[in-house]
């Protein structure tokens, strides 16, 4: 019996340590596109899925409009506490921007490129060396944008599970405090 418990404990420990990679791709050119992808262990698979969705090669994520509200107003504080915990555990793996940037006016374009460089400087200490790369060419003629933004963050599966437990615990406490435990 003790051997089985030890095996289950070891399995849970390793399952909680699995890295989950989330990638986002935003394309601004002619017809804009957005894609998101997730994968375990390897971030390149998540980035590949997100890129295909942004280019329109792969079916977009099924966002269905449902009459039922998934998150009720009384569950929002519990979800915010879980989200706050989860945000502290997120690691920025990479952020990359490539392309031509134009704001229609030369002065605005210069300010926009300066803000992008400041953002690169602010995010560089939060990421591994070389993870934040901005290759933006200012287009002062105002011909239009041709921009691709790619980003990837990672979490541990255990942090996601713990955030869900924190949210559930806080929701149960709120229901008990407000006398709605029987619902």
Protein backbone atom coordinates (compact mmCIF):
# COMPACT_ATOMS: atom_id res chain seq x y z
CA UNK A 1 0.00 0.00 0.00
CA UNK A 2 2.81 2.41 0.89
CA UNK A 3 4.51 1.64 -2.42
CA UNK A 4 1.34 2.60 -4.31
CA UNK A 5 0.99 5.84 -2.37
CA UNK A 6 4.63 6.69 -3.04
CA UNK A 7 4.16 5.98 -6.74
CA UNK A 8 1.05 8.20 -6.91
CA UNK A 9 2.85 10.97 -5.00
CA UNK A 10 5.83 10.78 -7.38
CA UNK A 11 3.50 10.81 -10.41
CA UNK A 12 1.64 13.87 -9.11
CA UNK A 13 4.95 15.62 -8.38
CA UNK A 14 6.19 15.10 -11.93
CA UNK A 15 2.83 16.00 -13.48
CA UNK A 16 2.81 19.29 -11.58
CA UNK A 17 6.28 20.13 -12.87
CA UNK A 18 5.33 19.85 -16.57
CA UNK A 19 5.86 23.18 -18.36
CA UNK A 20 2.91 24.43 -20.40
CA UNK A 21 3.79 26.92 -23.16
CA UNK A 22 1.27 29.45 -24.50
CA UNK A 23 1.99 31.37 -27.72
CA UNK A 24 0.25 34.33 -29.32
CA UNK A 25 0.78 35.70 -32.84
CA UNK A 26 -0.67 38.94 -34.17
CA UNK A 27 -0.25 39.93 -37.81
CA UNK A 28 -1.03 43.42 -39.01
CA UNK A 29 -0.87 43.52 -42.78
CA UNK A 30 -3.69 43.90 -45.24
CA UNK A 31 -6.02 41.45 -43.55
CA UNK A 32 -5.06 41.26 -39.84
CA UNK A 33 -4.85 37.89 -38.16
CA UNK A 34 -4.58 36.57 -34.62
CA UNK A 35 -3.61 33.12 -33.46
CA UNK A 36 -3.11 31.34 -30.16
CA UNK A 37 -1.61 27.98 -29.37
CA UNK A 38 -0.64 25.86 -26.39
CA UNK A 39 1.66 22.88 -25.98
CA UNK A 40 3.45 21.04 -23.24
CA UNK A 41 7.26 20.89 -23.01
CA UNK A 42 8.09 22.46 -26.40
CA UNK A 43 7.10 26.02 -27.20
CA UNK A 44 7.80 25.74 -30.92
CA UNK A 45 4.67 23.61 -31.39
CA UNK A 46 2.52 26.23 -29.68
CA UNK A 47 4.12 28.96 -31.80
CA UNK A 48 3.57 26.96 -34.99
CA UNK A 49 -0.14 26.48 -34.17
CA UNK A 50 -0.56 30.16 -33.33
CA UNK A 51 1.17 31.21 -36.57
CA UNK A 52 -1.06 28.95 -38.69
CA UNK A 53 -4.17 30.36 -37.03
CA UNK A 54 -2.96 33.93 -37.59
CA UNK A 55 -2.35 33.24 -41.30
CA UNK A 56 -5.76 31.56 -41.62
CA UNK A 57 -4.32 28.14 -42.47
CA UNK A 58 -5.83 26.43 -39.46
CA UNK A 59 -9.33 26.61 -38.07
CA UNK A 60 -9.71 29.36 -35.47
CA UNK A 61 -10.46 28.55 -31.88
CA UNK A 62 -14.17 27.83 -31.39
CA UNK A 63 -15.49 30.80 -29.42
CA UNK A 64 -19.19 30.12 -29.08
CA UNK A 65 -21.63 32.71 -27.90
CA UNK A 66 -23.57 31.03 -25.15
CA UNK A 67 -26.66 32.37 -23.45
CA UNK A 68 -25.39 31.11 -20.10
CA UNK A 69 -22.77 33.20 -18.37
CA UNK A 70 -19.68 31.15 -17.66
CA UNK A 71 -18.50 33.39 -14.85
CA UNK A 72 -21.16 34.86 -12.64
CA UNK A 73 -20.60 38.19 -10.95
CA UNK A 74 -20.26 36.54 -7.53
CA UNK A 75 -17.50 34.22 -8.81
CA UNK A 76 -15.44 37.11 -10.18
CA UNK A 77 -13.50 37.91 -6.96
CA UNK A 78 -12.44 34.27 -6.61
CA UNK A 79 -11.34 34.18 -10.26
CA UNK A 80 -9.37 37.39 -9.78
CA UNK A 81 -7.52 35.94 -6.78
CA UNK A 82 -6.66 32.82 -8.76
CA UNK A 83 -5.57 34.96 -11.71
CA UNK A 84 -3.41 37.15 -9.50
CA UNK A 85 -1.63 34.04 -8.18
CA UNK A 86 -1.20 32.72 -11.70
CA UNK A 87 0.23 36.00 -13.03
CA UNK A 88 3.02 35.86 -10.46
CA UNK A 89 4.03 32.43 -11.82
CA UNK A 90 4.04 33.32 -15.53
CA UNK A 91 7.46 33.37 -17.18
CA UNK A 92 8.06 35.35 -20.35
CA UNK A 93 9.86 33.00 -22.74
CA UNK A 94 10.07 35.21 -25.81
CA UNK A 95 8.67 38.36 -27.36
CA UNK A 96 9.47 39.29 -30.91
CA UNK A 97 8.22 41.98 -33.27
CA UNK A 98 9.26 42.20 -36.91
CA UNK A 99 8.23 44.45 -39.71
CA UNK A 100 7.55 47.96 -40.87
CA UNK A 101 5.85 50.40 -38.52
CA UNK A 102 3.96 53.51 -39.63
CA UNK A 103 1.54 55.80 -37.82
CA UNK A 104 0.63 57.95 -40.84
CA UNK A 105 2.61 60.94 -39.58
CA UNK A 106 6.41 61.08 -39.30
CA UNK A 107 6.35 62.49 -35.75
CA UNK A 108 3.89 59.86 -34.51
CA UNK A 109 5.90 57.13 -36.21
CA UNK A 110 9.07 58.30 -34.44
CA UNK A 111 7.27 58.37 -31.08
CA UNK A 112 5.79 54.93 -31.69
CA UNK A 113 9.21 53.45 -32.54
CA UNK A 114 10.72 55.13 -29.49
CA UNK A 115 8.01 53.65 -27.26
CA UNK A 116 8.66 50.22 -28.79
CA UNK A 117 12.38 50.50 -27.99
CA UNK A 118 11.55 51.63 -24.43
CA UNK A 119 9.26 48.59 -24.08
CA UNK A 120 12.10 46.36 -25.22
CA UNK A 121 14.37 47.86 -22.58
CA UNK A 122 11.74 47.48 -19.86
CA UNK A 123 10.94 43.84 -20.68
CA UNK A 124 14.52 42.63 -21.20
CA UNK A 125 15.26 42.17 -17.45
CA UNK A 126 12.06 40.09 -17.07
CA UNK A 127 13.04 37.54 -19.70
CA UNK A 128 15.99 35.27 -20.42
CA UNK A 129 18.87 36.94 -22.31
CA UNK A 130 17.99 37.52 -25.96
CA UNK A 131 14.32 36.59 -25.53
CA UNK A 132 12.99 40.09 -26.29
CA UNK A 133 13.75 41.07 -29.89
CA UNK A 134 12.26 44.03 -31.71
CA UNK A 135 13.21 44.42 -35.34
CA UNK A 136 11.02 47.35 -36.34
CA UNK A 137 11.79 49.57 -39.30
CA UNK A 138 10.06 52.96 -39.17
CA UNK A 139 8.20 53.92 -42.33
CA UNK A 140 7.92 57.70 -42.32
CA UNK A 141 6.09 57.81 -45.66
CA UNK A 142 2.91 56.39 -44.10
CA UNK A 143 2.58 53.55 -46.61
CA UNK A 144 1.07 51.21 -44.01
CA UNK A 145 2.02 48.65 -41.44
CA UNK A 146 3.47 45.24 -42.08
CA UNK A 147 3.97 43.94 -38.56
CA UNK A 148 4.15 40.51 -36.93
CA UNK A 149 4.13 40.18 -33.13
CA UNK A 150 4.97 36.83 -31.53
CA UNK A 151 5.04 36.07 -27.84
CA UNK A 152 5.36 33.02 -25.65
CA UNK A 153 4.85 32.54 -21.92
CA UNK A 154 5.19 29.41 -19.82
CA UNK A 155 3.61 28.09 -16.66
CA UNK A 156 3.89 24.88 -14.73
CA UNK A 157 0.87 22.60 -14.76
CA UNK A 158 1.00 22.55 -10.96
CA UNK A 159 0.59 26.32 -10.84
CA UNK A 160 -2.51 26.10 -13.04
CA UNK A 161 -3.96 23.39 -10.80
CA UNK A 162 -3.14 25.37 -7.66
CA UNK A 163 -4.72 28.52 -9.12
CA UNK A 164 -7.90 26.55 -9.83
CA UNK A 165 -7.91 25.26 -6.24
CA UNK A 166 -7.37 28.80 -4.90
CA UNK A 167 -10.30 30.05 -6.97
CA UNK A 168 -12.55 27.18 -5.84
CA UNK A 169 -11.58 27.68 -2.20
CA UNK A 170 -12.28 31.41 -2.34
CA UNK A 171 -15.60 30.80 -4.09
CA UNK A 172 -16.64 28.29 -1.40
CA UNK A 173 -15.68 30.75 1.34
CA UNK A 174 -17.72 33.52 -0.33
CA UNK A 175 -20.76 31.26 -0.65
CA UNK A 176 -20.51 30.23 3.00
CA UNK A 177 -20.10 33.83 4.16
CA UNK A 178 -23.12 34.96 2.15
CA UNK A 179 -25.30 32.03 3.23
CA UNK A 180 -25.49 30.37 -0.18
CA UNK A 181 -23.78 27.09 0.69
CA UNK A 182 -26.86 25.04 -0.21
CA UNK A 183 -26.99 26.21 -3.84
